[in-house]
Amino acid sequence: MLVEEVMTRNIVSIDCNDTVLDACKVYSKHRVGSLVVMDKNIIVGIVTERDTIERVILQNRDPKKTKVREIMSQNIKTIHALAPLEKAAQVMKENNIKKLPVILNNEIVGIITETDLSRTINVFSEAIDDLTKLYGESKESLEKIIDDWGDLIIKLKGYKKLSAQLDYKFLKKEAENY
């Protein structure tokens, strides 16, 4: 399964020069927990609700004056849309991150999160159930085919032995006639 099949396509972003209060309004409006931070058309970071809590609220900073660029996580990792899900999970685990912007043709086309990955568990579970069922049906069919063919092969071997015995008897009788 590829990243593009699971990612969230609606990217919610914010300009790096907007305030943290603006970011909070965007979180609320779009019901998301993170925003991709842009400087013009370039991704420069990601800001999460947790960043807001830890870097503004708990440090008594004014959300009306604090800029998103001051609290965002920089040097973010990205992943290609056509990468396998396993690669996305590996990047997230290795870098201890929960959100990973998705890139295609040097443009952001989505974001994949731990939540997106966890939703795939059901898909894989269903696929495994289907494969298990198919295997069971195939095994039963294969066993029937082997039984049927096995009986036929045993009969043919028996006929071959019988045929060989008949040929031997025939040859012996013919030899006696000389």
N, C-alpha and C. Protein backbone atom coordinates (compact mmCIF):
# COMPACT_ATOMS: atom_id res chain seq x y z
N MET A 1 0.85 -1.17 0.00
CA MET A 1 0.00 0.00 0.00
C MET A 1 0.90 1.24 0.00
N LEU A 2 0.50 2.25 -0.76
CA LEU A 2 1.30 3.46 -0.89
C LEU A 2 0.79 4.58 0.00
N VAL A 3 1.67 5.51 0.31
CA VAL A 3 1.33 6.66 1.15
C VAL A 3 0.13 7.41 0.58
N GLU A 4 0.11 7.63 -0.74
CA GLU A 4 -0.96 8.41 -1.35
C GLU A 4 -2.34 7.78 -1.16
N GLU A 5 -2.40 6.48 -0.91
CA GLU A 5 -3.67 5.79 -0.71
C GLU A 5 -4.24 6.02 0.68
N VAL A 6 -3.42 6.47 1.60
CA VAL A 6 -3.83 6.59 3.00
C VAL A 6 -3.80 8.02 3.50
N MET A 7 -2.97 8.84 2.89
CA MET A 7 -2.75 10.21 3.39
C MET A 7 -4.03 11.04 3.39
N THR A 8 -4.02 12.07 4.22
CA THR A 8 -5.08 13.06 4.23
C THR A 8 -4.72 14.08 3.16
N ARG A 9 -5.62 14.29 2.23
CA ARG A 9 -5.32 15.17 1.09
C ARG A 9 -5.55 16.65 1.39
N ASN A 10 -6.45 16.92 2.30
CA ASN A 10 -6.74 18.31 2.64
C ASN A 10 -5.70 18.82 3.62
N ILE A 11 -4.75 19.55 3.08
CA ILE A 11 -3.69 20.09 3.91
C ILE A 11 -4.17 21.42 4.48
N VAL A 12 -4.05 21.55 5.77
CA VAL A 12 -4.39 22.81 6.40
C VAL A 12 -3.08 23.49 6.74
N SER A 13 -2.90 24.67 6.18
CA SER A 13 -1.62 25.36 6.37
C SER A 13 -1.83 26.75 6.95
N ILE A 14 -0.71 27.33 7.34
CA ILE A 14 -0.73 28.68 7.89
C ILE A 14 0.58 29.36 7.48
N ASP A 15 0.53 30.65 7.34
CA ASP A 15 1.74 31.40 7.00
C ASP A 15 2.61 31.53 8.23
N CYS A 16 3.92 31.48 8.03
CA CYS A 16 4.86 31.52 9.15
C CYS A 16 4.80 32.84 9.92
N ASN A 17 4.27 33.90 9.31
CA ASN A 17 4.20 35.20 9.97
C ASN A 17 2.89 35.44 10.70
N ASP A 18 1.96 34.47 10.61
CA ASP A 18 0.71 34.59 11.37
C ASP A 18 0.99 34.35 12.85
N THR A 19 0.08 34.78 13.69
CA THR A 19 0.27 34.63 15.13
C THR A 19 -0.21 33.25 15.60
N VAL A 20 0.19 32.91 16.79
CA VAL A 20 -0.25 31.66 17.39
C VAL A 20 -1.77 31.69 17.60
N LEU A 21 -2.31 32.85 17.92
CA LEU A 21 -3.77 32.97 18.06
C LEU A 21 -4.44 32.63 16.73
N ASP A 22 -3.87 33.12 15.62
CA ASP A 22 -4.40 32.77 14.29
C ASP A 22 -4.35 31.25 14.09
N ALA A 23 -3.26 30.65 14.51
CA ALA A 23 -3.12 29.20 14.38
C ALA A 23 -4.21 28.48 15.18
N CYS A 24 -4.48 28.96 16.38
CA CYS A 24 -5.52 28.35 17.22
C CYS A 24 -6.89 28.44 16.55
N LYS A 25 -7.15 29.56 15.90
CA LYS A 25 -8.43 29.73 15.17
C LYS A 25 -8.52 28.74 14.01
N VAL A 26 -7.39 28.54 13.33
CA VAL A 26 -7.38 27.59 12.21
C VAL A 26 -7.55 26.15 12.72
N TYR A 27 -6.86 25.81 13.83
CA TYR A 27 -7.06 24.48 14.43
C TYR A 27 -8.54 24.24 14.67
N SER A 28 -9.17 25.22 15.31
CA SER A 28 -10.57 25.09 15.69
C SER A 28 -11.49 25.01 14.48
N LYS A 29 -11.26 25.88 13.53
CA LYS A 29 -12.12 25.92 12.34
C LYS A 29 -12.07 24.60 11.56
N HIS A 30 -10.88 24.06 11.40
CA HIS A 30 -10.72 22.86 10.57
C HIS A 30 -10.68 21.57 11.38
N ARG A 31 -10.72 21.70 12.70
CA ARG A 31 -10.73 20.55 13.59
C ARG A 31 -9.52 19.63 13.32
N VAL A 32 -8.34 20.24 13.32
CA VAL A 32 -7.08 19.51 13.12
C VAL A 32 -6.15 19.79 14.29
N GLY A 33 -5.14 18.96 14.42
CA GLY A 33 -4.19 19.12 15.52
C GLY A 33 -2.84 19.64 15.08
N SER A 34 -2.70 19.87 13.77
CA SER A 34 -1.43 20.41 13.28
C SER A 34 -1.66 21.22 12.01
N LEU A 35 -0.72 22.11 11.76
CA LEU A 35 -0.77 22.95 10.57
C LEU A 35 0.58 22.91 9.89
N VAL A 36 0.56 22.82 8.59
CA VAL A 36 1.80 22.91 7.82
C VAL A 36 2.11 24.39 7.70
N VAL A 37 3.31 24.78 8.06
CA VAL A 37 3.70 26.19 8.06
C VAL A 37 4.40 26.51 6.74
N MET A 38 3.91 27.54 6.09
CA MET A 38 4.42 27.92 4.76
C MET A 38 5.03 29.32 4.79
N ASP A 39 6.02 29.50 3.97
CA ASP A 39 6.57 30.83 3.69
C ASP A 39 6.45 30.97 2.18
N LYS A 40 5.44 31.69 1.77
CA LYS A 40 5.02 31.75 0.37
C LYS A 40 4.59 30.35 -0.03
N ASN A 41 5.27 29.71 -0.97
CA ASN A 41 4.87 28.35 -1.40
C ASN A 41 5.83 27.27 -0.91
N ILE A 42 6.63 27.60 0.09
CA ILE A 42 7.63 26.66 0.58
C ILE A 42 7.28 26.22 2.00
N ILE A 43 7.34 24.91 2.21
CA ILE A 43 7.12 24.38 3.56
C ILE A 43 8.33 24.74 4.41
N VAL A 44 8.07 25.38 5.54
CA VAL A 44 9.19 25.75 6.43
C VAL A 44 9.06 25.10 7.80
N GLY A 45 7.94 24.44 8.05
CA GLY A 45 7.78 23.82 9.36
C GLY A 45 6.41 23.22 9.55
N ILE A 46 6.19 22.79 10.76
CA ILE A 46 4.88 22.28 11.16
C ILE A 46 4.65 22.75 12.59
N VAL A 47 3.42 23.11 12.89
CA VAL A 47 3.09 23.55 14.24
C VAL A 47 1.90 22.71 14.71
N THR A 48 2.01 22.25 15.95
CA THR A 48 0.96 21.39 16.51
C THR A 48 0.33 22.05 17.73
N GLU A 49 -0.80 21.51 18.13
CA GLU A 49 -1.43 22.01 19.36
C GLU A 49 -0.48 21.85 20.54
N ARG A 50 0.26 20.79 20.53
CA ARG A 50 1.23 20.56 21.61
C ARG A 50 2.30 21.65 21.63
N ASP A 51 2.79 22.05 20.43
CA ASP A 51 3.75 23.16 20.36
C ASP A 51 3.15 24.41 21.00
N THR A 52 1.89 24.66 20.71
CA THR A 52 1.20 25.83 21.25
C THR A 52 1.15 25.77 22.77
N ILE A 53 0.81 24.62 23.29
CA ILE A 53 0.72 24.47 24.74
C ILE A 53 2.10 24.63 25.40
N GLU A 54 3.08 23.88 24.88
CA GLU A 54 4.39 23.86 25.53
C GLU A 54 5.22 25.12 25.29
N ARG A 55 5.10 25.71 24.13
CA ARG A 55 6.00 26.82 23.77
C ARG A 55 5.35 28.20 23.90
N VAL A 56 4.05 28.21 24.18
CA VAL A 56 3.38 29.52 24.35
C VAL A 56 2.68 29.56 25.70
N ILE A 57 1.68 28.71 25.88
CA ILE A 57 0.87 28.76 27.09
C ILE A 57 1.73 28.52 28.34
N LEU A 58 2.49 27.44 28.37
CA LEU A 58 3.27 27.10 29.55
C LEU A 58 4.45 28.05 29.78
N GLN A 59 4.81 28.82 28.76
CA GLN A 59 5.91 29.79 28.91
C GLN A 59 5.37 31.22 29.03
N ASN A 60 4.08 31.32 29.26
CA ASN A 60 3.42 32.62 29.43
C ASN A 60 3.69 33.61 28.29
N ARG A 61 3.74 33.12 27.10
CA ARG A 61 3.93 34.01 25.94
C ARG A 61 2.56 34.45 25.44
N ASP A 62 2.50 35.60 24.85
CA ASP A 62 1.24 36.16 24.35
C ASP A 62 0.94 35.56 22.97
N PRO A 63 -0.14 34.78 22.85
CA PRO A 63 -0.48 34.17 21.57
C PRO A 63 -0.84 35.20 20.49
N LYS A 64 -1.22 36.41 20.93
CA LYS A 64 -1.56 37.47 19.96
C LYS A 64 -0.30 38.08 19.35
N LYS A 65 0.82 37.96 20.04
CA LYS A 65 2.06 38.57 19.56
C LYS A 65 3.09 37.55 19.07
N THR A 66 2.99 36.33 19.56
CA THR A 66 3.96 35.30 19.18
C THR A 66 3.65 34.80 17.77
N LYS A 67 4.66 34.79 16.92
CA LYS A 67 4.50 34.33 15.54
C LYS A 67 4.66 32.80 15.48
N VAL A 68 3.97 32.22 14.55
CA VAL A 68 4.03 30.78 14.35
C VAL A 68 5.48 30.34 14.09
N ARG A 69 6.24 31.11 13.33
CA ARG A 69 7.63 30.74 13.01
C ARG A 69 8.50 30.61 14.26
N GLU A 70 8.07 31.26 15.37
CA GLU A 70 8.85 31.22 16.60
C GLU A 70 8.65 29.90 17.37
N ILE A 71 7.56 29.22 17.10
CA ILE A 71 7.27 28.00 17.88
C ILE A 71 7.19 26.74 17.02
N MET A 72 7.21 26.88 15.72
CA MET A 72 7.05 25.73 14.84
C MET A 72 8.27 24.79 14.91
N SER A 73 8.03 23.56 14.56
CA SER A 73 9.13 22.61 14.41
C SER A 73 9.68 22.81 13.00
N GLN A 74 10.99 22.98 12.93
CA GLN A 74 11.63 23.23 11.64
C GLN A 74 12.32 21.97 11.14
N ASN A 75 12.90 22.09 9.95
CA ASN A 75 13.61 20.97 9.35
C ASN A 75 12.77 19.70 9.37
N ILE A 76 11.54 19.85 8.93
CA ILE A 76 10.63 18.71 8.98
C ILE A 76 10.98 17.68 7.92
N LYS A 77 10.64 16.46 8.23
CA LYS A 77 10.82 15.35 7.31
C LYS A 77 9.59 15.31 6.41
N THR A 78 9.80 14.84 5.20
CA THR A 78 8.70 14.64 4.26
C THR A 78 8.83 13.24 3.67
N ILE A 79 7.79 12.83 2.97
CA ILE A 79 7.82 11.54 2.29
C ILE A 79 7.15 11.67 0.95
N HIS A 80 7.60 10.89 -0.01
CA HIS A 80 7.04 10.92 -1.35
C HIS A 80 5.69 10.19 -1.36
N ALA A 81 4.77 10.69 -2.14
CA ALA A 81 3.42 10.12 -2.21
C ALA A 81 3.43 8.66 -2.66
N LEU A 82 4.42 8.26 -3.45
CA LEU A 82 4.46 6.91 -3.98
C LEU A 82 5.32 5.95 -3.14
N ALA A 83 5.74 6.43 -1.98
CA ALA A 83 6.51 5.57 -1.07
C ALA A 83 5.56 4.57 -0.41
N PRO A 84 6.08 3.39 -0.05
CA PRO A 84 5.25 2.42 0.68
C PRO A 84 4.96 2.91 2.10
N LEU A 85 3.82 2.49 2.62
CA LEU A 85 3.43 2.88 3.98
C LEU A 85 4.49 2.51 5.01
N GLU A 86 5.13 1.38 4.80
CA GLU A 86 6.16 0.93 5.74
C GLU A 86 7.26 1.97 5.87
N LYS A 87 7.60 2.61 4.76
CA LYS A 87 8.65 3.64 4.77
C LYS A 87 8.18 4.83 5.60
N ALA A 88 6.93 5.25 5.43
CA ALA A 88 6.40 6.37 6.21
C ALA A 88 6.44 6.04 7.70
N ALA A 89 6.01 4.83 8.04
CA ALA A 89 6.02 4.42 9.45
C ALA A 89 7.45 4.41 9.99
N GLN A 90 8.39 3.96 9.19
CA GLN A 90 9.80 3.92 9.60
C GLN A 90 10.34 5.32 9.84
N VAL A 91 10.06 6.26 8.93
CA VAL A 91 10.53 7.65 9.09
C VAL A 91 9.93 8.26 10.34
N MET A 92 8.65 8.02 10.57
CA MET A 92 7.98 8.58 11.74
C MET A 92 8.58 8.00 13.03
N LYS A 93 8.82 6.70 13.04
CA LYS A 93 9.38 6.06 14.23
C LYS A 93 10.81 6.55 14.50
N GLU A 94 11.64 6.55 13.45
CA GLU A 94 13.04 6.94 13.61
C GLU A 94 13.19 8.39 14.08
N ASN A 95 12.26 9.25 13.68
CA ASN A 95 12.35 10.66 14.01
C ASN A 95 11.39 11.09 15.12
N ASN A 96 10.69 10.10 15.69
CA ASN A 96 9.76 10.35 16.79
C ASN A 96 8.77 11.47 16.44
N ILE A 97 8.15 11.33 15.26
CA ILE A 97 7.16 12.32 14.82
C ILE A 97 5.83 11.63 14.51
N LYS A 98 4.78 12.40 14.58
CA LYS A 98 3.44 11.85 14.38
C LYS A 98 2.78 12.33 13.10
N LYS A 99 3.40 13.30 12.46
CA LYS A 99 2.82 13.88 11.24
C LYS A 99 3.93 14.04 10.21
N LEU A 100 3.61 13.64 8.97
CA LEU A 100 4.63 13.65 7.93
C LEU A 100 4.03 14.21 6.64
N PRO A 101 4.45 15.42 6.23
CA PRO A 101 3.95 15.98 4.97
C PRO A 101 4.34 15.09 3.79
N VAL A 102 3.44 15.02 2.82
CA VAL A 102 3.62 14.17 1.64
C VAL A 102 3.88 15.05 0.43
N ILE A 103 4.92 14.68 -0.33
CA ILE A 103 5.38 15.47 -1.46
C ILE A 103 5.21 14.68 -2.76
N LEU A 104 4.83 15.39 -3.82
CA LEU A 104 4.79 14.82 -5.16
C LEU A 104 5.13 15.94 -6.13
N ASN A 105 6.10 15.72 -6.99
CA ASN A 105 6.55 16.74 -7.95
C ASN A 105 6.91 18.06 -7.24
N ASN A 106 7.62 17.92 -6.14
CA ASN A 106 8.09 19.07 -5.35
C ASN A 106 6.97 19.94 -4.80
N GLU A 107 5.79 19.39 -4.68
CA GLU A 107 4.66 20.11 -4.08
C GLU A 107 4.07 19.26 -2.96
N ILE A 108 3.56 19.93 -1.95
CA ILE A 108 2.90 19.20 -0.87
C ILE A 108 1.50 18.80 -1.36
N VAL A 109 1.20 17.52 -1.24
CA VAL A 109 -0.08 17.01 -1.73
C VAL A 109 -0.92 16.38 -0.62
N GLY A 110 -0.33 16.29 0.57
CA GLY A 110 -1.08 15.69 1.67
C GLY A 110 -0.22 15.60 2.91
N ILE A 111 -0.78 14.94 3.89
CA ILE A 111 -0.06 14.70 5.14
C ILE A 111 -0.49 13.32 5.63
N ILE A 112 0.46 12.58 6.15
CA ILE A 112 0.14 11.28 6.73
C ILE A 112 0.45 11.34 8.21
N THR A 113 -0.47 10.84 9.00
CA THR A 113 -0.34 10.91 10.45
C THR A 113 -0.40 9.50 11.05
N GLU A 114 -0.07 9.42 12.32
CA GLU A 114 -0.20 8.14 13.01
C GLU A 114 -1.63 7.62 12.92
N THR A 115 -2.59 8.54 12.99
CA THR A 115 -4.00 8.15 12.89
C THR A 115 -4.28 7.52 11.53
N ASP A 116 -3.74 8.12 10.46
CA ASP A 116 -3.93 7.55 9.13
C ASP A 116 -3.35 6.14 9.07
N LEU A 117 -2.16 5.97 9.64
CA LEU A 117 -1.53 4.65 9.65
C LEU A 117 -2.35 3.64 10.44
N SER A 118 -2.89 4.08 11.57
CA SER A 118 -3.67 3.16 12.40
C SER A 118 -4.94 2.71 11.70
N ARG A 119 -5.49 3.55 10.84
CA ARG A 119 -6.70 3.17 10.08
C ARG A 119 -6.41 2.04 9.10
N THR A 120 -5.17 1.92 8.66
CA THR A 120 -4.83 0.88 7.70
C THR A 120 -4.82 -0.50 8.34
N ILE A 121 -4.74 -0.55 9.65
CA ILE A 121 -4.73 -1.84 10.34
C ILE A 121 -5.99 -2.62 9.97
N ASN A 122 -7.15 -1.95 9.92
CA ASN A 122 -8.39 -2.62 9.56
C ASN A 122 -8.33 -3.15 8.13
N VAL A 123 -7.76 -2.36 7.23
CA VAL A 123 -7.64 -2.78 5.84
C VAL A 123 -6.78 -4.04 5.75
N PHE A 124 -5.62 -4.02 6.44
CA PHE A 124 -4.74 -5.18 6.41
C PHE A 124 -5.40 -6.37 7.11
N SER A 125 -6.12 -6.12 8.18
CA SER A 125 -6.81 -7.19 8.89
C SER A 125 -7.83 -7.87 7.97
N GLU A 126 -8.61 -7.05 7.26
CA GLU A 126 -9.60 -7.60 6.33
C GLU A 126 -8.92 -8.38 5.22
N ALA A 127 -7.81 -7.86 4.71
CA ALA A 127 -7.08 -8.55 3.64
C ALA A 127 -6.56 -9.90 4.14
N ILE A 128 -6.04 -9.92 5.36
CA ILE A 128 -5.54 -11.17 5.94
C ILE A 128 -6.69 -12.16 6.12
N ASP A 129 -7.85 -11.67 6.58
CA ASP A 129 -9.01 -12.54 6.73
C ASP A 129 -9.42 -13.13 5.38
N ASP A 130 -9.45 -12.28 4.34
CA ASP A 130 -9.81 -12.74 3.00
C ASP A 130 -8.81 -13.79 2.50
N LEU A 131 -7.51 -13.53 2.70
CA LEU A 131 -6.48 -14.48 2.27
C LEU A 131 -6.60 -15.80 3.03
N THR A 132 -6.89 -15.70 4.33
CA THR A 132 -7.04 -16.91 5.14
C THR A 132 -8.22 -17.74 4.64
N LYS A 133 -9.32 -17.06 4.34
CA LYS A 133 -10.52 -17.74 3.82
C LYS A 133 -10.21 -18.38 2.47
N LEU A 134 -9.55 -17.63 1.58
CA LEU A 134 -9.19 -18.15 0.27
C LEU A 134 -8.26 -19.35 0.40
N TYR A 135 -7.30 -19.24 1.32
CA TYR A 135 -6.38 -20.36 1.55
C TYR A 135 -7.15 -21.59 2.00
N GLY A 136 -8.08 -21.40 2.92
CA GLY A 136 -8.87 -22.53 3.41
C GLY A 136 -9.67 -23.18 2.30
N GLU A 137 -10.32 -22.33 1.48
CA GLU A 137 -11.09 -22.86 0.35
C GLU A 137 -10.17 -23.54 -0.66
N SER A 138 -9.05 -22.93 -0.93
CA SER A 138 -8.10 -23.49 -1.89
C SER A 138 -7.54 -24.81 -1.38
N LYS A 139 -7.25 -24.83 -0.08
CA LYS A 139 -6.69 -26.04 0.52
C LYS A 139 -7.68 -27.19 0.40
N GLU A 140 -8.97 -26.89 0.67
CA GLU A 140 -9.99 -27.93 0.56
C GLU A 140 -10.09 -28.40 -0.89
N SER A 141 -10.09 -27.45 -1.83
CA SER A 141 -10.16 -27.81 -3.24
C SER A 141 -8.94 -28.60 -3.66
N LEU A 142 -7.77 -28.16 -3.22
CA LEU A 142 -6.53 -28.84 -3.56
C LEU A 142 -6.52 -30.25 -2.99
N GLU A 143 -6.97 -30.39 -1.75
CA GLU A 143 -7.01 -31.72 -1.15
C GLU A 143 -7.95 -32.64 -1.94
N LYS A 144 -9.09 -32.09 -2.39
CA LYS A 144 -10.03 -32.89 -3.19
C LYS A 144 -9.39 -33.28 -4.51
N ILE A 145 -8.72 -32.34 -5.15
CA ILE A 145 -8.05 -32.63 -6.42
C ILE A 145 -6.98 -33.70 -6.22
N ILE A 146 -6.19 -33.55 -5.15
CA ILE A 146 -5.14 -34.55 -4.88
C ILE A 146 -5.76 -35.91 -4.61
N ASP A 147 -6.86 -35.91 -3.82
CA ASP A 147 -7.54 -37.19 -3.56
C ASP A 147 -8.03 -37.81 -4.86
N ASP A 148 -8.73 -37.01 -5.69
CA ASP A 148 -9.27 -37.52 -6.95
C ASP A 148 -8.16 -37.99 -7.88
N TRP A 149 -7.15 -37.17 -8.05
CA TRP A 149 -6.04 -37.52 -8.94
C TRP A 149 -5.23 -38.66 -8.34
N GLY A 150 -5.10 -38.61 -7.02
CA GLY A 150 -4.36 -39.67 -6.36
C GLY A 150 -4.99 -41.03 -6.63
N ASP A 151 -6.30 -41.10 -6.50
CA ASP A 151 -7.01 -42.35 -6.78
C ASP A 151 -6.80 -42.77 -8.23
N LEU A 152 -6.89 -41.82 -9.12
CA LEU A 152 -6.70 -42.11 -10.54
C LEU A 152 -5.28 -42.60 -10.81
N ILE A 153 -4.31 -41.94 -10.20
CA ILE A 153 -2.91 -42.34 -10.39
C ILE A 153 -2.68 -43.74 -9.84
N ILE A 154 -3.25 -44.03 -8.68
CA ILE A 154 -3.10 -45.37 -8.10
C ILE A 154 -3.73 -46.41 -9.03
N LYS A 155 -4.90 -46.06 -9.57
CA LYS A 155 -5.54 -46.99 -10.50
C LYS A 155 -4.68 -47.19 -11.74
N LEU A 156 -4.14 -46.08 -12.25
CA LEU A 156 -3.29 -46.18 -13.44
C LEU A 156 -2.04 -47.01 -13.14
N LYS A 157 -1.45 -46.81 -11.98
CA LYS A 157 -0.29 -47.62 -11.60
C LYS A 157 -0.69 -49.09 -11.53
N GLY A 158 -1.89 -49.32 -10.98
CA GLY A 158 -2.39 -50.70 -10.91
C GLY A 158 -2.57 -51.27 -12.30
N TYR A 159 -3.13 -50.50 -13.22
CA TYR A 159 -3.31 -50.97 -14.59
C TYR A 159 -1.96 -51.21 -15.25
N LYS A 160 -1.00 -50.37 -14.93
CA LYS A 160 0.34 -50.51 -15.50
C LYS A 160 0.95 -51.82 -15.02
N LYS A 161 0.79 -52.08 -13.71
CA LYS A 161 1.32 -53.34 -13.18
C LYS A 161 0.59 -54.52 -13.81
N LEU A 162 -0.74 -54.39 -13.87
CA LEU A 162 -1.54 -55.45 -14.47
C LEU A 162 -1.15 -55.62 -15.93
N SER A 163 -1.00 -54.48 -16.61
CA SER A 163 -0.61 -54.49 -18.01
C SER A 163 0.75 -55.15 -18.17
N ALA A 164 1.69 -54.80 -17.30
CA ALA A 164 3.03 -55.39 -17.36
C ALA A 164 2.96 -56.88 -17.11
N GLN A 165 2.10 -57.28 -16.14
CA GLN A 165 1.95 -58.71 -15.86
C GLN A 165 1.35 -59.42 -17.07
N LEU A 166 0.32 -58.80 -17.67
CA LEU A 166 -0.31 -59.41 -18.85
C LEU A 166 0.69 -59.51 -19.99
N ASP A 167 1.48 -58.46 -20.19
CA ASP A 167 2.49 -58.47 -21.24
C ASP A 167 3.50 -59.60 -20.98
N TYR A 168 3.90 -59.78 -19.72
CA TYR A 168 4.86 -60.81 -19.36
C TYR A 168 4.27 -62.19 -19.67
N LYS A 169 3.01 -62.36 -19.24
CA LYS A 169 2.34 -63.65 -19.48
C LYS A 169 2.21 -63.91 -20.98
N PHE A 170 1.85 -62.85 -21.71
CA PHE A 170 1.70 -62.98 -23.16
C PHE A 170 3.03 -63.36 -23.80
N LEU A 171 4.09 -62.64 -23.40
CA LEU A 171 5.41 -62.92 -23.96
C LEU A 171 5.88 -64.33 -23.60
N LYS A 172 5.61 -64.75 -22.36
CA LYS A 172 6.00 -66.09 -21.92
C LYS A 172 5.29 -67.15 -22.75
N LYS A 173 3.99 -66.94 -22.96
CA LYS A 173 3.20 -67.88 -23.74
C LYS A 173 3.71 -67.94 -25.17
N GLU A 174 4.00 -66.76 -25.73
CA GLU A 174 4.52 -66.71 -27.09
C GLU A 174 5.86 -67.42 -27.20
N ALA A 175 6.69 -67.25 -26.18
CA ALA A 175 7.99 -67.89 -26.17
C ALA A 175 7.86 -69.42 -26.13
N GLU A 176 6.86 -69.89 -25.38
CA GLU A 176 6.64 -71.33 -25.27
C GLU A 176 6.18 -71.92 -26.60
N ASN A 177 5.50 -71.10 -27.39
CA ASN A 177 5.00 -71.59 -28.67
C ASN A 177 6.11 -71.79 -29.69
N TYR A 178 7.27 -71.25 -29.49
CA TYR A 178 8.37 -71.44 -30.44
C TYR A 178 8.94 -72.76 -30.18
